[in-house]
Structure formats: C-alpha cells, structure tokens
C-alpha cells in the first residue's frame, strides 16, 4: 500500500520554511547523514535506492506543519526562578503542575521542579545551558544543500518490487506512538517490511487527532486494537511476537517491564526476536526514566539557551520551532532497525534516544562557542 499525502498549501509551506530557518545549525545535514547511512546499507542489499535527498529530509523535519493546518505553535518557556522549564501539558497536567508549584518552597528551582514533576509523570524538563567542556572532533555535521526548488513536494521515491525489497520477509510489531518511532517503522514499510501497529482504542496514538499526519506515518501498516492489560490482548500480542523479527516501542523505560514484556520476557516468547526502543534520554543518565518529547529534549540539551538578555551573563531561552529531535531520532533509529532486521542472528537489545540523536548538534554548538571565545555561557 502506498500512502500519498495531500500537497501542502502555501501557508503550510511558509510555516515549514520558517521553522526550518530556526532549527539549530546543522540539523538538516545531520538528518541527511542519518538517512544516507541507511541508504548505503540498503543499496548493498538491493538496487532500489532509498531517497536520502535534502528535500526529503527537510520534509521529515517539518512534516506536522505540512499536513496539519492548525498545528500548535511552540510552547513558550515557563519562567521558574532565575531559569525556565519546558512543559508539554494537557489540562489535567497543568492543574497538577500548578498544585506542585504552590506546594513546595523550592519550586523556584527549575531542576528540582522538573525532577519532582517527573516523579508525578509530568513531561516537564529544565532549560539548561550548553554543557561545559570541549567539543568532540566528530561533532560538526557536514553541510547539506537545502532544496530550494519544489520544496516539500518532491515526488516519492519509487518503491521496490517485491523481489527487490530487501526486508520483504520481515515482520515488525510496532508499539510506538506519535512521531519518532512511527517514522522509523513507516520507512521500514517502504523497504517491504510488514509492520503491525498496536494502537488500542483505550490508549490511542495521540496523532489520531490529526488524521492526515497519522495516515502518513501509519497508513501502510496493519493497525490492530489490543489492550495489553487484558488477557485476550496479551494472548494476541504474544502470538504476534512469536512470529515477529523485531519489536519496536517508544514508551518510557518503566512501561514494558511493568507489562511483563521487558527484553528478556519477549525473548522467552521468541528466542530469535530483536528489540528496539526509542526513548527520550540515554540509559545511565539521571534523566533515563524521564518522560519527554522533542521540545523538552531540546530544552534540556542546551540548544534552547543563548547568551543575552537584560544583564551581563544572562541567558535567553528559545523553544524548538518543531519537535525536530523526534524526526532525527526516527531517522537514526531506521539505521539500527535495518541492522537488526538484516542480521542473520538476533542482536542485543538496542536503544536510540532523542538526546543522543541531537548530540552532534550539541557538540557542534559547543565547538562554535569555544572557537568564538565565549566564556559566559556555561
């Protein structure tokens, strides 16, 4: 099944172009790097190339703006004491955060407020300055030429025929929602992979509220309604896992173990299974169990903080123009998924974090600051 998205109108293209112009330097080039790495591996297995052009990557980076006319504007930083936090909140969450701020005297500390909010499972993260230290030599992404003609409306790449699809005999069970991991599994369908998406009506993918965007990311998948908290849902899910090659999830780290389906549990159901998780923050960090989305990861990375303001040494906080860490993580995870699916044997569990996916941008920014002699933003 080929999913054809509606062509964006002029207003959508204008908003998307403006968002691209406000992304951190090197974002497009990094996306091209991630997608090109997959294209090279795919070309080793088939003569049908994967489209990794700058125009395609641009479209991946701003897809919600292209497909949803009323996509919300970025959420402004929430001032807290001398700093700020990013909060991706719905109505009930806003009330909970307001109670939290009113309850504790230390709620003027952005770091402590975010940590306590996370204990309440609220997706709140602190705006932080760039981390100190020298940048890695590998950090600066290569430059990629922006596509100026036919922006965002380049024709879709030709889909490989059945006999040339490199992953046509593979089955992926997709437990993901929203943007990052669904982008990965959507691109896998273009390589011939059969993807079954678990999307229960009791806890639906949030992008269902935006049908054009949801269909773009999931229209080539088989959608099933399974509640993994029910006996019938668990039996059906375990039957799917028994015949799968890969399970992909985008939950916080607590969810799968709480359901009884951590990596060891899934391997008991299918010893040849591979597993891939897309998470917000890397394992081993204080934020490893935090709930967050792309804009919150942007805030915590330091890319949302710039020197400036009313006084010397002050910092100005800028929200992400779009949840670009989700798109970059989805492209980075595609390379991992292809590796797992093309291996002759199951590989250890793999993770891709949103913060890790934008790590080269953070390193590059640190390098720019160091070379310019900026010492006031640490």
Protein backbone atom coordinates (compact mmCIF):
# COMPACT_ATOMS: atom_id res chain seq x y z
CA UNK A 1 0.00 0.00 0.00
CA UNK A 2 1.38 3.41 -0.96
CA UNK A 3 0.23 6.36 1.13
CA UNK A 4 0.05 9.66 -0.76
CA UNK A 5 -0.08 12.71 1.49
CA UNK A 6 -2.01 15.78 0.33
CA UNK A 7 0.16 18.53 -1.10
CA UNK A 8 0.73 21.31 1.43
CA UNK A 9 -0.81 24.73 0.80
CA UNK A 10 1.17 27.96 0.64
CA UNK A 11 0.54 28.76 4.28
CA UNK A 12 1.84 25.38 5.40
CA UNK A 13 4.93 25.70 3.20
CA UNK A 14 5.59 29.16 4.60
CA UNK A 15 5.32 27.93 8.21
CA UNK A 16 7.50 24.94 7.46
CA UNK A 17 10.17 27.07 5.78
CA UNK A 18 10.17 29.44 8.75
CA UNK A 19 10.60 26.51 11.16
CA UNK A 20 13.49 25.13 9.11
CA UNK A 21 15.19 28.51 9.34
CA UNK A 22 15.01 28.41 13.15
CA UNK A 23 16.36 24.90 13.62
CA UNK A 24 19.80 24.54 15.21
CA UNK A 25 22.65 24.88 12.75
CA UNK A 26 23.46 21.56 11.10
CA UNK A 27 20.07 19.90 11.70
CA UNK A 28 19.39 19.26 8.01
CA UNK A 29 22.90 17.95 7.43
CA UNK A 30 22.62 15.59 10.39
CA UNK A 31 19.31 14.22 9.10
CA UNK A 32 20.92 13.67 5.71
CA UNK A 33 23.77 11.84 7.40
CA UNK A 34 21.43 9.52 9.25
CA UNK A 35 19.29 8.73 6.23
CA UNK A 36 22.30 8.37 3.90
CA UNK A 37 23.82 5.80 6.22
CA UNK A 38 20.70 3.68 5.80
CA UNK A 39 20.67 4.24 2.04
CA UNK A 40 24.19 2.85 1.78
CA UNK A 41 23.23 -0.30 3.66
CA UNK A 42 20.06 -0.75 1.63
CA UNK A 43 21.98 -0.38 -1.63
CA UNK A 44 24.18 -3.28 -0.55
CA UNK A 45 21.06 -5.46 -0.44
CA UNK A 46 19.06 -4.11 -3.37
CA UNK A 47 19.46 -1.93 -6.44
CA UNK A 48 16.44 0.19 -5.45
CA UNK A 49 17.89 3.21 -3.58
CA UNK A 50 16.39 4.90 -0.54
CA UNK A 51 15.60 8.57 -1.07
CA UNK A 52 18.02 10.49 1.16
CA UNK A 53 17.97 13.87 -0.57
CA UNK A 54 17.94 17.14 1.40
CA UNK A 55 14.38 17.81 0.18
CA UNK A 56 13.20 14.53 1.66
CA UNK A 57 14.94 15.19 4.98
CA UNK A 58 13.51 18.71 5.12
CA UNK A 59 10.03 17.26 4.72
CA UNK A 60 10.65 14.72 7.50
CA UNK A 61 11.80 17.51 9.83
CA UNK A 62 8.66 19.62 9.44
CA UNK A 63 6.05 17.01 8.49
CA UNK A 64 3.40 18.06 11.07
CA UNK A 65 3.44 21.62 9.75
CA UNK A 66 2.94 20.37 6.21
CA UNK A 67 -0.01 18.13 7.00
CA UNK A 68 -1.84 19.83 9.88
CA UNK A 69 -3.17 23.35 9.24
CA UNK A 70 -3.72 24.11 12.92
CA UNK A 71 -0.52 22.52 14.27
CA UNK A 72 0.14 24.36 17.56
CA UNK A 73 2.85 26.96 17.87
CA UNK A 74 5.87 26.15 20.05
CA UNK A 75 5.23 26.32 23.79
CA UNK A 76 6.98 29.27 25.40
CA UNK A 77 9.48 28.59 28.19
CA UNK A 78 7.80 28.65 31.60
CA UNK A 79 9.80 31.00 33.88
CA UNK A 80 10.86 29.36 37.13
CA UNK A 81 13.06 31.36 39.48
CA UNK A 82 16.11 32.51 37.55
CA UNK A 83 15.58 29.87 34.85
CA UNK A 84 12.80 28.15 32.94
CA UNK A 85 11.26 24.77 32.19
CA UNK A 86 9.54 23.29 29.17
CA UNK A 87 6.17 21.68 29.82
CA UNK A 88 4.22 19.55 27.31
CA UNK A 89 0.99 19.55 29.27
CA UNK A 90 -2.71 18.95 28.76
CA UNK A 91 -5.37 20.48 31.00
CA UNK A 92 -5.15 17.98 33.89
CA UNK A 93 -1.35 18.12 33.78
CA UNK A 94 -1.39 21.91 34.01
CA UNK A 95 -3.51 21.70 37.15
CA UNK A 96 -1.14 19.15 38.67
CA UNK A 97 1.91 21.29 37.90
CA UNK A 98 0.18 24.36 39.37
CA UNK A 99 -0.50 22.41 42.60
CA UNK A 100 3.10 21.24 42.66
CA UNK A 101 4.45 24.78 42.29
CA UNK A 102 2.12 26.06 45.01
CA UNK A 103 3.02 23.29 47.47
CA UNK A 104 6.80 23.49 47.75
CA UNK A 105 9.02 26.45 48.55
CA UNK A 106 11.79 25.03 46.39
CA UNK A 107 9.51 25.13 43.32
CA UNK A 108 11.51 28.17 42.17
CA UNK A 109 14.40 25.83 41.28
CA UNK A 110 13.91 24.65 37.65
CA UNK A 111 15.99 21.50 38.10
CA UNK A 112 14.23 20.38 41.26
CA UNK A 113 10.80 21.32 39.93
CA UNK A 114 11.37 19.26 36.77
CA UNK A 115 12.64 16.27 38.75
CA UNK A 116 9.62 16.36 41.07
CA UNK A 117 7.23 16.83 38.14
CA UNK A 118 8.74 13.76 36.50
CA UNK A 119 8.06 11.80 39.68
CA UNK A 120 4.42 12.73 39.04
CA UNK A 121 4.92 11.54 35.42
CA UNK A 122 4.55 15.07 34.04
CA UNK A 123 6.64 15.77 30.90
CA UNK A 124 8.47 18.78 32.35
CA UNK A 125 12.16 19.41 31.65
CA UNK A 126 14.53 22.24 32.62
CA UNK A 127 16.07 24.62 30.15
CA UNK A 128 19.80 24.20 30.60
CA UNK A 129 22.85 26.00 29.21
CA UNK A 130 25.15 24.13 26.90
CA UNK A 131 27.24 21.60 28.82
CA UNK A 132 30.78 22.73 29.53
CA UNK A 133 33.85 21.02 28.08
CA UNK A 134 35.46 20.79 24.70
CA UNK A 135 33.52 19.57 21.71
CA UNK A 136 34.21 16.20 20.16
CA UNK A 137 36.23 16.30 16.91
CA UNK A 138 33.42 14.36 15.21
CA UNK A 139 30.77 16.81 16.28
CA UNK A 140 30.39 19.22 13.37
CA UNK A 141 27.84 17.82 10.92
CA UNK A 142 28.69 18.18 7.22
CA UNK A 143 26.88 20.85 5.28
CA UNK A 144 23.91 19.83 3.21
CA UNK A 145 22.46 21.96 0.45
CA UNK A 146 18.91 22.99 1.17
CA UNK A 147 16.42 22.15 -1.54
CA UNK A 148 15.14 25.47 -2.92
CA UNK A 149 13.09 24.17 -5.85
CA UNK A 150 9.95 22.08 -5.36
CA UNK A 151 10.48 22.28 -1.63
CA UNK A 152 8.50 19.67 0.31
CA UNK A 153 6.70 18.38 -2.78
CA UNK A 154 9.38 16.21 -4.37
CA UNK A 155 7.88 13.07 -5.93
CA UNK A 156 8.01 9.98 -3.73
CA UNK A 157 10.82 7.54 -4.36
CA UNK A 158 9.94 4.52 -6.44
CA UNK A 159 9.00 1.59 -4.24
CA UNK A 160 10.97 -1.58 -4.85
CA UNK A 161 9.26 -4.50 -6.48
CA UNK A 162 8.52 -7.48 -4.26
CA UNK A 163 11.55 -9.45 -5.39
CA UNK A 164 13.84 -6.48 -4.76
CA UNK A 165 12.54 -5.45 -1.36
CA UNK A 166 15.44 -6.19 0.98
CA UNK A 167 13.29 -6.79 4.06
CA UNK A 168 10.14 -8.21 2.44
CA UNK A 169 10.12 -11.34 4.59
CA UNK A 170 10.41 -9.50 7.91
CA UNK A 171 7.67 -8.76 10.45
CA UNK A 172 7.82 -5.83 12.88
CA UNK A 173 5.45 -5.39 15.81
CA UNK A 174 5.15 -1.67 16.42
CA UNK A 175 4.22 -0.46 19.92
CA UNK A 176 5.10 3.15 19.23
CA UNK A 177 3.08 6.35 19.01
CA UNK A 178 3.36 9.96 17.89
CA UNK A 179 6.36 10.83 15.70
CA UNK A 180 9.84 9.39 16.28
CA UNK A 181 9.38 5.61 16.24
CA UNK A 182 6.35 5.66 13.89
CA UNK A 183 8.60 7.47 11.39
CA UNK A 184 11.12 4.63 11.69
CA UNK A 185 8.54 1.91 11.16
CA UNK A 186 6.86 3.87 8.36
CA UNK A 187 10.15 4.00 6.46
CA UNK A 188 10.58 0.27 7.07
CA UNK A 189 7.35 -0.39 5.17
CA UNK A 190 8.95 1.27 2.16
CA UNK A 191 11.63 -1.42 2.29
CA UNK A 192 8.96 -4.11 2.13
CA UNK A 193 8.72 -4.85 5.84
CA UNK A 194 5.35 -5.93 7.17
CA UNK A 195 4.55 -3.73 10.17
CA UNK A 196 1.71 -4.43 12.59
CA UNK A 197 0.98 -1.42 14.78
CA UNK A 198 -0.64 -1.94 18.16
CA UNK A 199 -2.92 1.07 18.63
CA UNK A 200 -5.52 0.37 21.34
CA UNK A 201 -8.70 2.42 21.49
CA UNK A 202 -8.31 2.55 25.27
CA UNK A 203 -5.00 4.45 24.89
CA UNK A 204 -4.78 5.67 21.30
CA UNK A 205 -1.86 7.21 19.47
CA UNK A 206 -2.12 10.95 20.06
CA UNK A 207 -1.67 11.66 16.36
CA UNK A 208 -5.09 10.12 15.67
CA UNK A 209 -6.39 13.63 16.32
CA UNK A 210 -4.55 14.67 13.12
CA UNK A 211 -5.73 12.13 10.52
CA UNK A 212 -3.51 13.29 7.64
CA UNK A 213 -0.40 13.07 9.79
CA UNK A 214 -1.45 9.77 11.37
CA UNK A 215 -2.17 8.23 7.97
CA UNK A 216 1.14 9.44 6.57
CA UNK A 217 3.05 7.72 9.36
CA UNK A 218 0.85 4.64 9.73
CA UNK A 219 -1.22 4.16 6.58
CA UNK A 220 1.00 1.41 5.18
CA UNK A 221 0.85 -0.58 8.44
CA UNK A 222 -1.69 -3.07 9.72
CA UNK A 223 -3.42 -1.47 12.71
CA UNK A 224 -4.77 -3.68 15.50
CA UNK A 225 -6.58 -2.75 18.70
CA UNK A 226 -5.01 -4.73 21.54
CA UNK A 227 -5.15 -3.81 25.21
CA UNK A 228 -2.03 -5.36 26.73
CA UNK A 229 -3.60 -5.12 30.19
CA UNK A 230 -6.32 -7.63 29.26
CA UNK A 231 -5.90 -11.39 29.00
CA UNK A 232 -7.22 -11.50 25.43
CA UNK A 233 -4.98 -8.64 24.37
CA UNK A 234 -1.91 -10.24 25.91
CA UNK A 235 -2.58 -13.58 24.24
CA UNK A 236 -2.98 -11.90 20.84
CA UNK A 237 0.14 -9.80 21.35
CA UNK A 238 2.22 -12.80 22.40
CA UNK A 239 1.05 -14.67 19.32
CA UNK A 240 2.29 -11.79 17.15
CA UNK A 241 5.62 -11.65 18.99
CA UNK A 242 6.14 -15.37 18.46
CA UNK A 243 6.26 -14.83 14.70
CA UNK A 244 7.98 -11.41 14.65
CA UNK A 245 11.53 -10.42 13.80
CA UNK A 246 11.55 -7.10 15.66
CA UNK A 247 9.50 -5.32 18.34
CA UNK A 248 9.76 -1.53 18.41
CA UNK A 249 8.47 0.60 21.27
CA UNK A 250 8.63 4.27 22.25
CA UNK A 251 7.49 4.01 25.86
CA UNK A 252 9.36 5.34 28.85
CA UNK A 253 11.58 2.64 30.32
CA UNK A 254 9.10 1.68 33.03
CA UNK A 255 6.26 0.61 30.77
CA UNK A 256 7.42 -2.62 29.12
CA UNK A 257 8.80 -4.15 32.38
CA UNK A 258 5.57 -3.16 34.16
CA UNK A 259 3.61 -5.02 31.48
CA UNK A 260 5.88 -8.05 31.91
CA UNK A 261 7.41 -7.59 28.46
CA UNK A 262 10.97 -6.47 29.04
CA UNK A 263 13.61 -7.73 26.62
CA UNK A 264 14.12 -10.99 28.50
CA UNK A 265 10.39 -11.63 28.64
CA UNK A 266 9.99 -11.02 24.92
CA UNK A 267 12.95 -13.28 24.11
CA UNK A 268 11.28 -16.06 26.10
CA UNK A 269 8.34 -15.80 23.72
CA UNK A 270 10.64 -15.75 20.69
CA UNK A 271 14.37 -16.50 21.13
CA UNK A 272 15.16 -15.14 17.65
CA UNK A 273 13.47 -11.78 18.31
CA UNK A 274 15.26 -8.42 18.16
CA UNK A 275 14.05 -5.42 20.17
CA UNK A 276 14.46 -1.67 19.70
CA UNK A 277 13.34 1.16 22.00
CA UNK A 278 13.24 4.85 21.18
CA UNK A 279 13.44 6.87 24.39
CA UNK A 280 13.95 10.48 25.41
CA UNK A 281 17.22 10.24 27.34
CA UNK A 282 20.14 7.77 27.28
CA UNK A 283 20.46 4.94 29.76
CA UNK A 284 22.72 5.66 32.71
CA UNK A 285 21.81 9.36 32.92
CA UNK A 286 19.82 10.93 35.77
CA UNK A 287 17.02 11.55 33.26
CA UNK A 288 16.94 7.99 31.91
CA UNK A 289 13.40 7.33 33.18
CA UNK A 290 12.01 10.76 32.37
CA UNK A 291 9.02 11.32 30.13
CA UNK A 292 9.68 13.89 27.44
CA UNK A 293 9.15 14.75 23.79
CA UNK A 294 11.33 16.52 21.27
CA UNK A 295 10.81 20.11 22.51
CA UNK A 296 11.59 19.07 26.09
CA UNK A 297 14.77 17.30 25.00
CA UNK A 298 15.73 20.43 23.03
CA UNK A 299 15.39 22.46 26.23
CA UNK A 300 17.48 20.08 28.32
CA UNK A 301 20.22 19.71 25.69
CA UNK A 302 21.33 23.34 25.93
CA UNK A 303 20.34 24.13 22.36
CA UNK A 304 17.43 26.20 23.65
CA UNK A 305 19.62 28.58 25.67
CA UNK A 306 21.53 31.54 24.25
CA UNK A 307 23.57 34.31 25.88
CA UNK A 308 21.64 37.54 26.04
CA UNK A 309 19.04 39.47 27.96
CA UNK A 310 18.90 42.48 30.21
CA UNK A 311 22.08 41.85 32.19
CA UNK A 312 25.57 40.54 31.57
CA UNK A 313 25.79 36.77 31.73
CA UNK A 314 22.03 36.32 31.42
CA UNK A 315 20.51 33.64 29.24
CA UNK A 316 17.62 33.82 26.78
CA UNK A 317 15.55 30.65 26.36
CA UNK A 318 14.13 29.76 22.95
CA UNK A 319 11.71 26.87 22.33
CA UNK A 320 12.20 24.43 19.48
CA UNK A 321 10.30 25.59 16.37
CA UNK A 322 9.20 21.99 15.78
CA UNK A 323 9.94 18.70 17.57
CA UNK A 324 12.97 18.07 15.37
CA UNK A 325 14.65 15.66 17.89
CA UNK A 326 11.78 13.24 17.17
CA UNK A 327 12.44 13.31 13.42
CA UNK A 328 16.21 12.95 13.84
CA UNK A 329 15.78 10.07 16.29
CA UNK A 330 13.37 8.39 13.87
CA UNK A 331 15.93 8.62 11.06
CA UNK A 332 18.78 7.47 13.32
CA UNK A 333 16.69 4.53 14.55
CA UNK A 334 16.00 3.45 10.97
CA UNK A 335 19.65 2.52 10.54
CA UNK A 336 19.51 0.48 13.76
CA UNK A 337 16.28 -1.25 12.71
CA UNK A 338 17.71 -2.19 9.31
CA UNK A 339 20.79 -3.60 11.02
CA UNK A 340 18.65 -5.67 13.38
CA UNK A 341 16.37 -6.95 10.62
CA UNK A 342 19.17 -7.82 8.21
CA UNK A 343 21.27 -9.69 10.76
CA UNK A 344 21.43 -13.44 10.44
CA UNK A 345 21.04 -13.78 14.21
CA UNK A 346 19.25 -11.77 16.90
CA UNK A 347 21.35 -8.92 18.23
CA UNK A 348 21.22 -7.49 21.76
CA UNK A 349 18.50 -5.00 22.61
CA UNK A 350 19.18 -1.58 21.13
CA UNK A 351 18.09 1.89 22.16
CA UNK A 352 18.04 5.21 20.37
CA UNK A 353 17.48 8.33 22.48
CA UNK A 354 16.24 11.68 21.29
CA UNK A 355 19.04 13.40 23.20
CA UNK A 356 21.62 11.09 21.64
CA UNK A 357 20.24 11.78 18.17
CA UNK A 358 20.84 15.52 18.55
CA UNK A 359 24.16 15.03 20.35
CA UNK A 360 26.24 16.03 17.31
CA UNK A 361 24.35 19.34 17.16
CA UNK A 362 25.14 19.99 20.82
CA UNK A 363 28.81 19.17 20.26
CA UNK A 364 28.94 21.41 17.20
CA UNK A 365 27.39 24.30 19.11
CA UNK A 366 29.88 23.85 21.91
CA UNK A 367 32.66 23.92 19.35
CA UNK A 368 31.33 27.16 17.88
CA UNK A 369 31.16 28.76 21.32
CA UNK A 370 34.66 27.60 22.20
CA UNK A 371 36.16 28.87 18.96
CA UNK A 372 34.43 32.26 19.36
CA UNK A 373 35.89 32.65 22.85
CA UNK A 374 32.52 32.73 24.58
CA UNK A 375 33.10 32.04 28.26
CA UNK A 376 29.86 33.41 29.64
CA UNK A 377 27.50 30.57 28.76
CA UNK A 378 28.40 27.57 30.83
